[in-house]
């Protein structure tokens, strides 16, 4: 299932991230920090079968725990309160977030 994603991943590049953050309504100062941050992503599965995903950087560390195809509440790195669902789609881990009538 998600076994191939388990491990520690290092972001090396990010394309169009500033435009994405603008579309989300993220402020200028937070976007500037976000554009310079290259977090590690640690993904594991705990004893209860929950998938744990932790994004670690010098700016901020966030962690979510979830089951595939089940909605969960999340506070994002830019402090949005969202309802999220993680799915597997053609071998890709996909996250859908909804908040304030918007979605990404």
PDB file of N, CA and C in Angstrom:
ATOM      1  N   UNK A   1       0.853  -1.184   0.000  1.00  0.00           N
ATOM      2  CA  UNK A   1       0.000   0.000   0.000  1.00  0.00           C
ATOM      3  C   UNK A   1       0.888   1.233   0.000  1.00  0.00           C
ATOM      4  N   UNK A   2       1.243   1.787   1.145  1.00  0.00           N
ATOM      5  CA  UNK A   2       2.108   2.975   1.188  1.00  0.00           C
ATOM      6  C   UNK A   2       3.540   2.615   1.542  1.00  0.00           C
ATOM      7  N   UNK A   3       3.843   1.326   1.630  1.00  0.00           N
ATOM      8  CA  UNK A   3       5.173   0.882   2.052  1.00  0.00           C
ATOM      9  C   UNK A   3       6.295   1.511   1.230  1.00  0.00           C
ATOM     10  N   UNK A   4       6.069   1.717  -0.050  1.00  0.00           N
ATOM     11  CA  UNK A   4       7.133   2.281  -0.885  1.00  0.00           C
ATOM     12  C   UNK A   4       7.440   3.747  -0.549  1.00  0.00           C
ATOM     13  N   UNK A   5       6.546   4.397   0.212  1.00  0.00           N
ATOM     14  CA  UNK A   5       6.764   5.787   0.606  1.00  0.00           C
ATOM     15  C   UNK A   5       7.435   5.918   1.974  1.00  0.00           C
ATOM     16  N   UNK A   6       7.483   4.835   2.735  1.00  0.00           N
ATOM     17  CA  UNK A   6       8.039   4.884   4.089  1.00  0.00           C
ATOM     18  C   UNK A   6       9.523   5.239   4.019  1.00  0.00           C
ATOM     19  N   UNK A   7       9.923   6.220   4.839  1.00  0.00           N
ATOM     20  CA  UNK A   7      11.316   6.647   4.882  1.00  0.00           C
ATOM     21  C   UNK A   7      11.407   8.148   5.060  1.00  0.00           C
ATOM     22  N   UNK A   8      12.603   8.670   4.864  1.00  0.00           N
ATOM     23  CA  UNK A   8      12.859  10.111   4.967  1.00  0.00           C
ATOM     24  C   UNK A   8      13.187  10.639   3.585  1.00  0.00           C
ATOM     25  N   UNK A   9      12.489  11.683   3.193  1.00  0.00           N
ATOM     26  CA  UNK A   9      12.625  12.279   1.871  1.00  0.00           C
ATOM     27  C   UNK A   9      13.070  13.731   2.012  1.00  0.00           C
ATOM     28  N   UNK A  10      14.001  14.166   1.187  1.00  0.00           N
ATOM     29  CA  UNK A  10      14.522  15.532   1.217  1.00  0.00           C
ATOM     30  C   UNK A  10      14.068  16.277  -0.033  1.00  0.00           C
ATOM     31  N   UNK A  11      13.410  17.425   0.161  1.00  0.00           N
ATOM     32  CA  UNK A  11      13.023  18.255  -0.985  1.00  0.00           C
ATOM     33  C   UNK A  11      14.278  18.861  -1.595  1.00  0.00           C
ATOM     34  N   UNK A  12      14.423  18.723  -2.891  1.00  0.00           N
ATOM     35  CA  UNK A  12      15.570  19.309  -3.571  1.00  0.00           C
ATOM     36  C   UNK A  12      15.159  20.476  -4.464  1.00  0.00           C
ATOM     37  N   UNK A  13      13.962  20.399  -5.058  1.00  0.00           N
ATOM     38  CA  UNK A  13      13.467  21.492  -5.893  1.00  0.00           C
ATOM     39  C   UNK A  13      11.974  21.682  -5.648  1.00  0.00           C
ATOM     40  N   UNK A  14      11.511  22.860  -6.006  1.00  0.00           N
ATOM     41  CA  UNK A  14      10.093  23.184  -5.871  1.00  0.00           C
ATOM     42  C   UNK A  14       9.732  24.139  -7.002  1.00  0.00           C
ATOM     43  N   UNK A  15       8.780  23.750  -7.840  1.00  0.00           N
ATOM     44  CA  UNK A  15       8.398  24.574  -8.980  1.00  0.00           C
ATOM     45  C   UNK A  15       7.037  25.226  -8.743  1.00  0.00           C
ATOM     46  N   UNK A  16       6.942  26.523  -9.029  1.00  0.00           N
ATOM     47  CA  UNK A  16       5.696  27.290  -8.946  1.00  0.00           C
ATOM     48  C   UNK A  16       5.095  27.337  -7.546  1.00  0.00           C
ATOM     49  N   UNK A  17       5.915  27.121  -6.532  1.00  0.00           N
ATOM     50  CA  UNK A  17       5.412  27.099  -5.162  1.00  0.00           C
ATOM     51  C   UNK A  17       4.904  28.474  -4.728  1.00  0.00           C
ATOM     52  N   UNK A  18       5.595  29.532  -5.133  1.00  0.00           N
ATOM     53  CA  UNK A  18       5.153  30.880  -4.760  1.00  0.00           C
ATOM     54  C   UNK A  18       3.774  31.166  -5.340  1.00  0.00           C
ATOM     55  N   UNK A  19       3.534  30.808  -6.598  1.00  0.00           N
ATOM     56  CA  UNK A  19       2.225  31.015  -7.220  1.00  0.00           C
ATOM     57  C   UNK A  19       1.149  30.197  -6.511  1.00  0.00           C
ATOM     58  N   UNK A  20       1.507  28.968  -6.132  1.00  0.00           N
ATOM     59  CA  UNK A  20       0.568  28.115  -5.390  1.00  0.00           C
ATOM     60  C   UNK A  20       0.198  28.757  -4.056  1.00  0.00           C
ATOM     61  N   UNK A  21       1.214  29.244  -3.324  1.00  0.00           N
ATOM     62  CA  UNK A  21       0.942  29.877  -2.024  1.00  0.00           C
ATOM     63  C   UNK A  21       0.113  31.153  -2.198  1.00  0.00           C
ATOM     64  N   UNK A  22       0.382  31.931  -3.235  1.00  0.00           N
ATOM     65  CA  UNK A  22      -0.425  33.131  -3.510  1.00  0.00           C
ATOM     66  C   UNK A  22      -1.889  32.750  -3.705  1.00  0.00           C
ATOM     67  N   UNK A  23      -2.116  31.694  -4.487  1.00  0.00           N
ATOM     68  CA  UNK A  23      -3.491  31.257  -4.764  1.00  0.00           C
ATOM     69  C   UNK A  23      -4.201  30.806  -3.492  1.00  0.00           C
ATOM     70  N   UNK A  24      -3.431  30.303  -2.519  1.00  0.00           N
ATOM     71  CA  UNK A  24      -4.012  29.897  -1.238  1.00  0.00           C
ATOM     72  C   UNK A  24      -4.272  31.082  -0.316  1.00  0.00           C
ATOM     73  N   UNK A  25      -3.712  32.247  -0.668  1.00  0.00           N
ATOM     74  CA  UNK A  25      -3.884  33.431   0.169  1.00  0.00           C
ATOM     75  C   UNK A  25      -2.805  33.596   1.223  1.00  0.00           C
ATOM     76  N   UNK A  26      -1.676  32.912   1.046  1.00  0.00           N
ATOM     77  CA  UNK A  26      -0.570  33.011   2.003  1.00  0.00           C
ATOM     78  C   UNK A  26       0.089  34.379   1.843  1.00  0.00           C
ATOM     79  N   UNK A  27       0.363  35.044   2.964  1.00  0.00           N
ATOM     80  CA  UNK A  27       0.951  36.377   2.956  1.00  0.00           C
ATOM     81  C   UNK A  27       2.384  36.398   2.445  1.00  0.00           C
ATOM     82  N   UNK A  28       2.844  37.598   2.086  1.00  0.00           N
ATOM     83  CA  UNK A  28       4.153  37.788   1.476  1.00  0.00           C
ATOM     84  C   UNK A  28       5.287  37.248   2.346  1.00  0.00           C
ATOM     85  N   UNK A  29       5.322  37.621   3.624  1.00  0.00           N
ATOM     86  CA  UNK A  29       6.434  37.214   4.491  1.00  0.00           C
ATOM     87  C   UNK A  29       6.508  35.690   4.631  1.00  0.00           C
ATOM     88  N   UNK A  30       5.364  35.052   4.825  1.00  0.00           N
ATOM     89  CA  UNK A  30       5.336  33.589   4.950  1.00  0.00           C
ATOM     90  C   UNK A  30       5.754  32.933   3.641  1.00  0.00           C
ATOM     91  N   UNK A  31       5.346  33.511   2.511  1.00  0.00           N
ATOM     92  CA  UNK A  31       5.769  32.968   1.211  1.00  0.00           C
ATOM     93  C   UNK A  31       7.280  33.053   1.039  1.00  0.00           C
ATOM     94  N   UNK A  32       7.870  34.156   1.484  1.00  0.00           N
ATOM     95  CA  UNK A  32       9.320  34.303   1.349  1.00  0.00           C
ATOM     96  C   UNK A  32      10.055  33.217   2.129  1.00  0.00           C
ATOM     97  N   UNK A  33       9.608  32.954   3.349  1.00  0.00           N
ATOM     98  CA  UNK A  33      10.209  31.883   4.151  1.00  0.00           C
ATOM     99  C   UNK A  33       9.942  30.536   3.486  1.00  0.00           C
ATOM    100  N   UNK A  34       8.705  30.304   3.064  1.00  0.00           N
ATOM    101  CA  UNK A  34       8.334  29.040   2.436  1.00  0.00           C
ATOM    102  C   UNK A  34       9.140  28.747   1.181  1.00  0.00           C
ATOM    103  N   UNK A  35       9.435  29.773   0.410  1.00  0.00           N
ATOM    104  CA  UNK A  35      10.212  29.587  -0.823  1.00  0.00           C
ATOM    105  C   UNK A  35      11.657  29.200  -0.553  1.00  0.00           C
ATOM    106  N   UNK A  36      12.160  29.542   0.623  1.00  0.00           N
ATOM    107  CA  UNK A  36      13.558  29.237   0.962  1.00  0.00           C
ATOM    108  C   UNK A  36      13.704  27.950   1.776  1.00  0.00           C
ATOM    109  N   UNK A  37      12.591  27.382   2.199  1.00  0.00           N
ATOM    110  CA  UNK A  37      12.620  26.207   3.057  1.00  0.00           C
ATOM    111  C   UNK A  37      12.669  24.933   2.216  1.00  0.00           C
ATOM    112  N   UNK A  38      13.541  24.031   2.611  1.00  0.00           N
ATOM    113  CA  UNK A  38      13.645  22.721   1.955  1.00  0.00           C
ATOM    114  C   UNK A  38      13.472  21.649   3.035  1.00  0.00           C
ATOM    115  N   UNK A  39      12.223  21.306   3.341  1.00  0.00           N
ATOM    116  CA  UNK A  39      11.984  20.391   4.466  1.00  0.00           C
ATOM    117  C   UNK A  39      12.315  18.931   4.140  1.00  0.00           C
ATOM    118  N   UNK A  40      12.548  18.171   5.206  1.00  0.00           N
ATOM    119  CA  UNK A  40      12.575  16.718   5.112  1.00  0.00           C
ATOM    120  C   UNK A  40      11.152  16.237   5.356  1.00  0.00           C
ATOM    121  N   UNK A  41      10.746  15.200   4.669  1.00  0.00           N
ATOM    122  CA  UNK A  41       9.441  14.587   4.884  1.00  0.00           C
ATOM    123  C   UNK A  41       9.694  13.171   5.385  1.00  0.00           C
ATOM    124  N   UNK A  42       9.201  12.882   6.581  1.00  0.00           N
ATOM    125  CA  UNK A  42       9.364  11.560   7.179  1.00  0.00           C
ATOM    126  C   UNK A  42       8.005  10.879   7.160  1.00  0.00           C
ATOM    127  N   UNK A  43       7.938   9.708   6.549  1.00  0.00           N
ATOM    128  CA  UNK A  43       6.683   8.975   6.450  1.00  0.00           C
ATOM    129  C   UNK A  43       6.866   7.595   7.087  1.00  0.00           C
ATOM    130  N   UNK A  44       5.942   7.240   7.984  1.00  0.00           N
ATOM    131  CA  UNK A  44       5.978   5.931   8.638  1.00  0.00           C
ATOM    132  C   UNK A  44       4.551   5.454   8.872  1.00  0.00           C
ATOM    133  N   UNK A  45       4.420   4.202   9.278  1.00  0.00           N
ATOM    134  CA  UNK A  45       3.129   3.621   9.628  1.00  0.00           C
ATOM    135  C   UNK A  45       3.245   3.129  11.063  1.00  0.00           C
ATOM    136  N   UNK A  46       2.325   3.565  11.949  1.00  0.00           N
ATOM    137  CA  UNK A  46       2.419   3.180  13.364  1.00  0.00           C
ATOM    138  C   UNK A  46       1.747   1.838  13.628  1.00  0.00           C
ATOM    139  N   UNK A  47       1.782   1.410  14.879  1.00  0.00           N
ATOM    140  CA  UNK A  47       1.256   0.096  15.275  1.00  0.00           C
ATOM    141  C   UNK A  47      -0.240  -0.061  15.023  1.00  0.00           C
ATOM    142  N   UNK A  48      -0.998   1.055  15.009  1.00  0.00           N
ATOM    143  CA  UNK A  48      -2.436   0.994  14.758  1.00  0.00           C
ATOM    144  C   UNK A  48      -2.775   1.110  13.272  1.00  0.00           C
ATOM    145  N   UNK A  49      -1.764   1.180  12.424  1.00  0.00           N
ATOM    146  CA  UNK A  49      -2.002   1.283  10.994  1.00  0.00           C
ATOM    147  C   UNK A  49      -2.196   2.705  10.493  1.00  0.00           C
ATOM    148  N   UNK A  50      -2.008   3.701  11.374  1.00  0.00           N
ATOM    149  CA  UNK A  50      -2.096   5.096  10.944  1.00  0.00           C
ATOM    150  C   UNK A  50      -0.827   5.473  10.201  1.00  0.00           C
ATOM    151  N   UNK A  51      -0.988   6.199   9.123  1.00  0.00           N
ATOM    152  CA  UNK A  51       0.152   6.716   8.377  1.00  0.00           C
ATOM    153  C   UNK A  51       0.543   8.039   9.026  1.00  0.00           C
ATOM    154  N   UNK A  52       1.813   8.184   9.340  1.00  0.00           N
ATOM    155  CA  UNK A  52       2.328   9.398   9.976  1.00  0.00           C
ATOM    156  C   UNK A  52       3.217  10.116   8.966  1.00  0.00           C
ATOM    157  N   UNK A  53       2.937  11.390   8.743  1.00  0.00           N
ATOM    158  CA  UNK A  53       3.729  12.176   7.816  1.00  0.00           C
ATOM    159  C   UNK A  53       4.184  13.439   8.536  1.00  0.00           C
ATOM    160  N   UNK A  54       5.501  13.578   8.682  1.00  0.00           N
ATOM    161  CA  UNK A  54       6.059  14.730   9.391  1.00  0.00           C
ATOM    162  C   UNK A  54       6.952  15.516   8.438  1.00  0.00           C
ATOM    163  N   UNK A  55       6.677  16.814   8.328  1.00  0.00           N
ATOM    164  CA  UNK A  55       7.494  17.723   7.542  1.00  0.00           C
ATOM    165  C   UNK A  55       8.366  18.508   8.522  1.00  0.00           C
ATOM    166  N   UNK A  56       9.684  18.380   8.378  1.00  0.00           N
ATOM    167  CA  UNK A  56      10.619  19.001   9.318  1.00  0.00           C
ATOM    168  C   UNK A  56      11.502  20.009   8.599  1.00  0.00           C
ATOM    169  N   UNK A  57      11.559  21.219   9.149  1.00  0.00           N
ATOM    170  CA  UNK A  57      12.464  22.235   8.614  1.00  0.00           C
ATOM    171  C   UNK A  57      12.889  23.145   9.754  1.00  0.00           C
ATOM    172  N   UNK A  58      13.845  24.018   9.479  1.00  0.00           N
ATOM    173  CA  UNK A  58      14.276  24.983  10.496  1.00  0.00           C
ATOM    174  C   UNK A  58      13.182  26.009  10.764  1.00  0.00           C
ATOM    175  N   UNK A  59      12.253  26.192   9.817  1.00  0.00           N
ATOM    176  CA  UNK A  59      11.160  27.151   9.971  1.00  0.00           C
ATOM    177  C   UNK A  59      10.028  26.586  10.816  1.00  0.00           C
ATOM    178  N   UNK A  60       9.601  25.370  10.509  1.00  0.00           N
ATOM    179  CA  UNK A  60       8.444  24.803  11.178  1.00  0.00           C
ATOM    180  C   UNK A  60       8.421  23.296  10.975  1.00  0.00           C
ATOM    181  N   UNK A  61       7.897  22.588  11.962  1.00  0.00           N
ATOM    182  CA  UNK A  61       7.674  21.151  11.841  1.00  0.00           C
ATOM    183  C   UNK A  61       6.182  20.896  12.008  1.00  0.00           C
ATOM    184  N   UNK A  62       5.620  20.146  11.071  1.00  0.00           N
ATOM    185  CA  UNK A  62       4.211  19.778  11.146  1.00  0.00           C
ATOM    186  C   UNK A  62       4.101  18.267  11.034  1.00  0.00           C
ATOM    187  N   UNK A  63       3.035  17.716  11.619  1.00  0.00           N
ATOM    188  CA  UNK A  63       2.817  16.280  11.554  1.00  0.00           C
ATOM    189  C   UNK A  63       1.335  15.994  11.402  1.00  0.00           C
ATOM    190  N   UNK A  64       1.025  15.050  10.528  1.00  0.00           N
ATOM    191  CA  UNK A  64      -0.348  14.586  10.389  1.00  0.00           C
ATOM    192  C   UNK A  64      -0.354  13.065  10.490  1.00  0.00           C
ATOM    193  N   UNK A  65      -1.463  12.535  11.003  1.00  0.00           N
ATOM    194  CA  UNK A  65      -1.668  11.090  11.069  1.00  0.00           C
ATOM    195  C   UNK A  65      -3.022  10.808  10.438  1.00  0.00           C
ATOM    196  N   UNK A  66      -3.069   9.786   9.598  1.00  0.00           N
ATOM    197  CA  UNK A  66      -4.296   9.552   8.844  1.00  0.00           C
ATOM    198  C   UNK A  66      -4.371   8.109   8.365  1.00  0.00           C
ATOM    199  N   UNK A  67      -5.569   7.742   7.903  1.00  0.00           N
ATOM    200  CA  UNK A  67      -5.796   6.501   7.175  1.00  0.00           C
ATOM    201  C   UNK A  67      -6.203   6.897   5.766  1.00  0.00           C
ATOM    202  N   UNK A  68      -5.765   6.113   4.788  1.00  0.00           N
ATOM    203  CA  UNK A  68      -6.134   6.404   3.404  1.00  0.00           C
ATOM    204  C   UNK A  68      -7.646   6.444   3.249  1.00  0.00           C
ATOM    205  N   UNK A  69      -8.119   7.377   2.446  1.00  0.00           N
ATOM    206  CA  UNK A  69      -9.532   7.514   2.066  1.00  0.00           C
ATOM    207  C   UNK A  69     -10.450   7.908   3.216  1.00  0.00           C
ATOM    208  N   UNK A  70      -9.881   8.379   4.331  1.00  0.00           N
ATOM    209  CA  UNK A  70     -10.689   8.859   5.463  1.00  0.00           C
ATOM    210  C   UNK A  70     -10.340  10.314   5.739  1.00  0.00           C
ATOM    211  N   UNK A  71     -11.365  11.152   5.904  1.00  0.00           N
ATOM    212  CA  UNK A  71     -11.111  12.564   6.166  1.00  0.00           C
ATOM    213  C   UNK A  71     -10.566  12.761   7.576  1.00  0.00           C
ATOM    214  N   UNK A  72      -9.759  13.807   7.738  1.00  0.00           N
ATOM    215  CA  UNK A  72      -9.194  14.167   9.035  1.00  0.00           C
ATOM    216  C   UNK A  72      -8.988  15.675   9.077  1.00  0.00           C
ATOM    217  N   UNK A  73      -8.960  16.204  10.288  1.00  0.00           N
ATOM    218  CA  UNK A  73      -8.746  17.635  10.483  1.00  0.00           C
ATOM    219  C   UNK A  73      -7.243  17.908  10.504  1.00  0.00           C
ATOM    220  N   UNK A  74      -6.849  19.028   9.893  1.00  0.00           N
ATOM    221  CA  UNK A  74      -5.432  19.372   9.804  1.00  0.00           C
ATOM    222  C   UNK A  74      -5.256  20.876   9.966  1.00  0.00           C
ATOM    223  N   UNK A  75      -4.210  21.274  10.660  1.00  0.00           N
ATOM    224  CA  UNK A  75      -3.781  22.674  10.668  1.00  0.00           C
ATOM    225  C   UNK A  75      -2.487  22.708   9.868  1.00  0.00           C
ATOM    226  N   UNK A  76      -2.512  23.407   8.747  1.00  0.00           N
ATOM    227  CA  UNK A  76      -1.393  23.402   7.816  1.00  0.00           C
ATOM    228  C   UNK A  76      -0.246  24.281   8.320  1.00  0.00           C
ATOM    229  N   UNK A  77       0.896  24.189   7.640  1.00  0.00           N
ATOM    230  CA  UNK A  77       2.071  24.981   8.010  1.00  0.00           C
ATOM    231  C   UNK A  77       1.792  26.485   7.938  1.00  0.00           C
ATOM    232  N   UNK A  78       0.820  26.892   7.093  1.00  0.00           N
ATOM    233  CA  UNK A  78       0.442  28.307   7.001  1.00  0.00           C
ATOM    234  C   UNK A  78      -0.798  28.618   7.841  1.00  0.00           C
ATOM    235  N   UNK A  79      -1.108  27.718   8.787  1.00  0.00           N
ATOM    236  CA  UNK A  79      -2.157  27.889   9.795  1.00  0.00           C
ATOM    237  C   UNK A  79      -3.590  27.858   9.261  1.00  0.00           C
ATOM    238  N   UNK A  80      -3.820  27.254   8.101  1.00  0.00           N
ATOM    239  CA  UNK A  80      -5.193  27.035   7.660  1.00  0.00           C
ATOM    240  C   UNK A  80      -5.751  25.815   8.379  1.00  0.00           C
ATOM    241  N   UNK A  81      -7.024  25.874   8.756  1.00  0.00           N
ATOM    242  CA  UNK A  81      -7.711  24.723   9.344  1.00  0.00           C
ATOM    243  C   UNK A  81      -8.461  24.038   8.221  1.00  0.00           C
ATOM    244  N   UNK A  82      -8.021  22.825   7.873  1.00  0.00           N
ATOM    245  CA  UNK A  82      -8.586  22.141   6.721  1.00  0.00           C
ATOM    246  C   UNK A  82      -9.160  20.778   7.110  1.00  0.00           C
ATOM    247  N   UNK A  83     -10.011  20.272   6.237  1.00  0.00           N
ATOM    248  CA  UNK A  83     -10.396  18.868   6.262  1.00  0.00           C
ATOM    249  C   UNK A  83      -9.657  18.248   5.089  1.00  0.00           C
ATOM    250  N   UNK A  84      -8.891  17.206   5.357  1.00  0.00           N
ATOM    251  CA  UNK A  84      -8.045  16.605   4.331  1.00  0.00           C
ATOM    252  C   UNK A  84      -8.390  15.136   4.138  1.00  0.00           C
ATOM    253  N   UNK A  85      -8.116  14.647   2.939  1.00  0.00           N
ATOM    254  CA  UNK A  85      -8.247  13.225   2.611  1.00  0.00           C
ATOM    255  C   UNK A  85      -7.019  12.843   1.793  1.00  0.00           C
ATOM    256  N   UNK A  86      -6.361  11.760   2.187  1.00  0.00           N
ATOM    257  CA  UNK A  86      -5.206  11.235   1.451  1.00  0.00           C
ATOM    258  C   UNK A  86      -5.647   9.978   0.714  1.00  0.00           C
ATOM    259  N   UNK A  87      -5.261   9.882  -0.540  1.00  0.00           N
ATOM    260  CA  UNK A  87      -5.604   8.716  -1.355  1.00  0.00           C
ATOM    261  C   UNK A  87      -4.360   8.247  -2.113  1.00  0.00           C
ATOM    262  N   UNK A  88      -4.420   7.033  -2.609  1.00  0.00           N
ATOM    263  CA  UNK A  88      -3.419   6.536  -3.553  1.00  0.00           C
ATOM    264  C   UNK A  88      -4.053   6.565  -4.935  1.00  0.00           C
ATOM    265  N   UNK A  89      -3.367   7.200  -5.877  1.00  0.00           N
ATOM    266  CA  UNK A  89      -3.886   7.333  -7.234  1.00  0.00           C
ATOM    267  C   UNK A  89      -2.765   6.987  -8.210  1.00  0.00           C
ATOM    268  N   UNK A  90      -2.865   5.820  -8.851  1.00  0.00           N
ATOM    269  CA  UNK A  90      -1.837   5.377  -9.800  1.00  0.00           C
ATOM    270  C   UNK A  90      -0.434   5.425  -9.205  1.00  0.00           C
ATOM    271  N   UNK A  91      -0.295   4.939  -7.973  1.00  0.00           N
ATOM    272  CA  UNK A  91       1.010   4.880  -7.326  1.00  0.00           C
ATOM    273  C   UNK A  91       1.476   6.183  -6.715  1.00  0.00           C
ATOM    274  N   UNK A  92       0.630   7.207  -6.699  1.00  0.00           N
ATOM    275  CA  UNK A  92       0.978   8.504  -6.110  1.00  0.00           C
ATOM    276  C   UNK A  92       0.131   8.732  -4.874  1.00  0.00           C
ATOM    277  N   UNK A  93       0.741   9.302  -3.844  1.00  0.00           N
ATOM    278  CA  UNK A  93       0.018   9.701  -2.643  1.00  0.00           C
ATOM    279  C   UNK A  93      -0.528  11.103  -2.892  1.00  0.00           C
ATOM    280  N   UNK A  94      -1.858  11.246  -2.864  1.00  0.00           N
ATOM    281  CA  UNK A  94      -2.514  12.503  -3.224  1.00  0.00           C
ATOM    282  C   UNK A  94      -3.293  13.030  -2.028  1.00  0.00           C
ATOM    283  N   UNK A  95      -3.115  14.330  -1.746  1.00  0.00           N
ATOM    284  CA  UNK A  95      -3.832  14.969  -0.638  1.00  0.00           C
ATOM    285  C   UNK A  95      -4.807  15.993  -1.190  1.00  0.00           C
ATOM    286  N   UNK A  96      -6.061  15.920  -0.730  1.00  0.00           N
ATOM    287  CA  UNK A  96      -7.075  16.920  -1.076  1.00  0.00           C
ATOM    288  C   UNK A  96      -7.456  17.636   0.208  1.00  0.00           C
ATOM    289  N   UNK A  97      -7.376  18.955   0.183  1.00  0.00           N
ATOM    290  CA  UNK A  97      -7.726  19.774   1.352  1.00  0.00           C
ATOM    291  C   UNK A  97      -8.922  20.642   1.005  1.00  0.00           C
ATOM    292  N   UNK A  98      -9.825  20.813   1.977  1.00  0.00           N
ATOM    293  CA  UNK A  98     -10.926  21.759   1.829  1.00  0.00           C
ATOM    294  C   UNK A  98     -10.943  22.657   3.065  1.00  0.00           C
ATOM    295  N   UNK A  99     -11.246  23.956   2.854  1.00  0.00           N
ATOM    296  CA  UNK A  99     -11.311  24.940   3.924  1.00  0.00           C
ATOM    297  C   UNK A  99     -12.056  26.164   3.403  1.00  0.00           C
ATOM    298  N   UNK A 100     -12.868  26.754   4.223  1.00  0.00           N
ATOM    299  CA  UNK A 100     -13.561  28.008   3.884  1.00  0.00           C
ATOM    300  C   UNK A 100     -14.190  27.979   2.487  1.00  0.00           C
ATOM    301  N   UNK A 101     -14.774  26.861   2.071  1.00  0.00           N
ATOM    302  CA  UNK A 101     -15.390  26.754   0.767  1.00  0.00           C
ATOM    303  C   UNK A 101     -14.413  26.607  -0.394  1.00  0.00           C
ATOM    304  N   UNK A 102     -13.121  26.439  -0.089  1.00  0.00           N
ATOM    305  CA  UNK A 102     -12.087  26.294  -1.127  1.00  0.00           C
ATOM    306  C   UNK A 102     -11.545  24.872  -1.060  1.00  0.00           C
ATOM    307  N   UNK A 103     -10.811  24.485  -2.108  1.00  0.00           N
ATOM    308  CA  UNK A 103     -10.139  23.189  -2.071  1.00  0.00           C
ATOM    309  C   UNK A 103      -8.864  23.229  -2.896  1.00  0.00           C
ATOM    310  N   UNK A 104      -7.962  22.360  -2.512  1.00  0.00           N
ATOM    311  CA  UNK A 104      -6.714  22.212  -3.284  1.00  0.00           C
ATOM    312  C   UNK A 104      -6.361  20.748  -3.364  1.00  0.00           C
TER     313      UNK A 104
END
